[in-house]
C-alpha atoms as a PDB file:
ATOM      1  CA  UNK A   1      15.270  24.355  14.286  1.00  0.00           C
ATOM      2  CA  UNK A   2      12.050  23.058  15.495  1.00  0.00           C
ATOM      3  CA  UNK A   3      12.663  19.175  17.299  1.00  0.00           C
ATOM      4  CA  UNK A   4      16.728  18.877  15.744  1.00  0.00           C
ATOM      5  CA  UNK A   5      15.486  19.586  12.011  1.00  0.00           C
ATOM      6  CA  UNK A   6      15.741  22.476  10.187  1.00  0.00           C
ATOM      7  CA  UNK A   7      11.707  23.784   8.928  1.00  0.00           C
ATOM      8  CA  UNK A   8      12.644  24.225   5.101  1.00  0.00           C
ATOM      9  CA  UNK A   9       9.955  26.064   2.147  1.00  0.00           C
ATOM     10  CA  UNK A  10      10.877  22.736   0.287  1.00  0.00           C
ATOM     11  CA  UNK A  11       8.125  20.504  -1.150  1.00  0.00           C
ATOM     12  CA  UNK A  12       9.438  17.304   0.755  1.00  0.00           C
ATOM     13  CA  UNK A  13       6.510  17.952   3.716  1.00  0.00           C
ATOM     14  CA  UNK A  14       3.617  18.912   0.782  1.00  0.00           C
ATOM     15  CA  UNK A  15       1.091  15.510   0.092  1.00  0.00           C
ATOM     16  CA  UNK A  16       2.148  14.543  -3.594  1.00  0.00           C
ATOM     17  CA  UNK A  17      -0.192  15.279  -5.661  1.00  0.00           C
ATOM     18  CA  UNK A  18      -2.327  12.842  -7.544  1.00  0.00           C
ATOM     19  CA  UNK A  19      -2.510  12.146 -10.747  1.00  0.00           C
ATOM     20  CA  UNK A  20      -6.557  11.039 -11.994  1.00  0.00           C
ATOM     21  CA  UNK A  21      -8.900  11.151 -15.173  1.00  0.00           C
ATOM     22  CA  UNK A  22     -12.203  10.269 -15.432  1.00  0.00           C
ATOM     23  CA  UNK A  23     -13.859   9.537 -18.249  1.00  0.00           C
ATOM     24  CA  UNK A  24     -15.877  11.885 -20.511  1.00  0.00           C
ATOM     25  CA  UNK A  25     -14.497  14.667 -18.451  1.00  0.00           C
ATOM     26  CA  UNK A  26     -13.540  18.684 -19.970  1.00  0.00           C
ATOM     27  CA  UNK A  27     -10.290  18.831 -21.048  1.00  0.00           C
ATOM     28  CA  UNK A  28     -10.857  22.837 -22.035  1.00  0.00           C
ATOM     29  CA  UNK A  29      -9.071  23.412 -18.915  1.00  0.00           C
ATOM     30  CA  UNK A  30      -6.090  21.698 -18.493  1.00  0.00           C
ATOM     31  CA  UNK A  31      -1.968  22.995 -19.272  1.00  0.00           C
ATOM     32  CA  UNK A  32      -0.185  20.142 -22.298  1.00  0.00           C
ATOM     33  CA  UNK A  33       1.581  19.112 -19.389  1.00  0.00           C
ATOM     34  CA  UNK A  34      -1.701  17.854 -18.176  1.00  0.00           C
ATOM     35  CA  UNK A  35      -2.604  16.211 -20.731  1.00  0.00           C
ATOM     36  CA  UNK A  36       0.487  14.181 -21.088  1.00  0.00           C
ATOM     37  CA  UNK A  37      -0.347  13.216 -17.345  1.00  0.00           C
ATOM     38  CA  UNK A  38      -3.150  11.955 -18.384  1.00  0.00           C
ATOM     39  CA  UNK A  39      -2.428  10.025 -21.200  1.00  0.00           C
ATOM     40  CA  UNK A  40       0.916   8.617 -19.783  1.00  0.00           C
ATOM     41  CA  UNK A  41      -1.453   7.285 -16.727  1.00  0.00           C
ATOM     42  CA  UNK A  42      -4.515   6.328 -19.179  1.00  0.00           C
ATOM     43  CA  UNK A  43      -1.501   4.331 -20.673  1.00  0.00           C
ATOM     44  CA  UNK A  44      -0.525   3.110 -17.845  1.00  0.00           C
ATOM     45  CA  UNK A  45      -3.855   1.813 -16.674  1.00  0.00           C
ATOM     46  CA  UNK A  46      -4.296   0.157 -20.137  1.00  0.00           C
ATOM     47  CA  UNK A  47      -1.243  -1.939 -19.543  1.00  0.00           C
ATOM     48  CA  UNK A  48      -2.524  -3.079 -16.859  1.00  0.00           C
ATOM     49  CA  UNK A  49      -5.984  -3.977 -18.438  1.00  0.00           C
ATOM     50  CA  UNK A  50      -3.963  -5.925 -21.324  1.00  0.00           C
ATOM     51  CA  UNK A  51      -1.747  -8.324 -18.550  1.00  0.00           C
ATOM     52  CA  UNK A  52      -5.210  -8.586 -16.082  1.00  0.00           C
ATOM     53  CA  UNK A  53      -6.813  -9.927 -18.890  1.00  0.00           C
ATOM     54  CA  UNK A  54      -4.129 -12.271 -20.127  1.00  0.00           C
ATOM     55  CA  UNK A  55      -4.032 -14.049 -17.132  1.00  0.00           C
ATOM     56  CA  UNK A  56      -7.484 -14.522 -16.403  1.00  0.00           C
ATOM     57  CA  UNK A  57      -7.543 -15.649 -20.120  1.00  0.00           C
ATOM     58  CA  UNK A  58      -5.076 -17.670 -19.414  1.00  0.00           C
ATOM     59  CA  UNK A  59      -6.358 -19.518 -15.841  1.00  0.00           C
ATOM     60  CA  UNK A  60      -9.835 -19.986 -18.205  1.00  0.00           C
ATOM     61  CA  UNK A  61      -7.726 -22.075 -20.928  1.00  0.00           C
ATOM     62  CA  UNK A  62      -6.421 -23.979 -18.357  1.00  0.00           C
ATOM     63  CA  UNK A  63      -8.849 -24.902 -16.624  1.00  0.00           C
ATOM     64  CA  UNK A  64     -11.143 -25.388 -19.893  1.00  0.00           C
ATOM     65  CA  UNK A  65      -8.237 -27.837 -20.638  1.00  0.00           C
ATOM     66  CA  UNK A  66      -8.106 -29.713 -17.230  1.00  0.00           C
ATOM     67  CA  UNK A  67     -12.502 -30.392 -17.566  1.00  0.00           C
ATOM     68  CA  UNK A  68     -12.507 -31.025 -21.327  1.00  0.00           C
ATOM     69  CA  UNK A  69     -14.767 -34.231 -21.827  1.00  0.00           C
END
């Protein structure tokens, strides 16, 4: 025990691996699991972008209706 804590060989203290994707990046070296992770990441990003677009359109429509002559 070190500092009141048992030493372990598991992954609890390691930083988590971040998944990222660069458009146009070669996919040749990716495993099937890595491709699935990237697809999930990109789908989540598409949802985030669509939500932002909807919010901006709503705000623009509201502003337009207020300042319409």
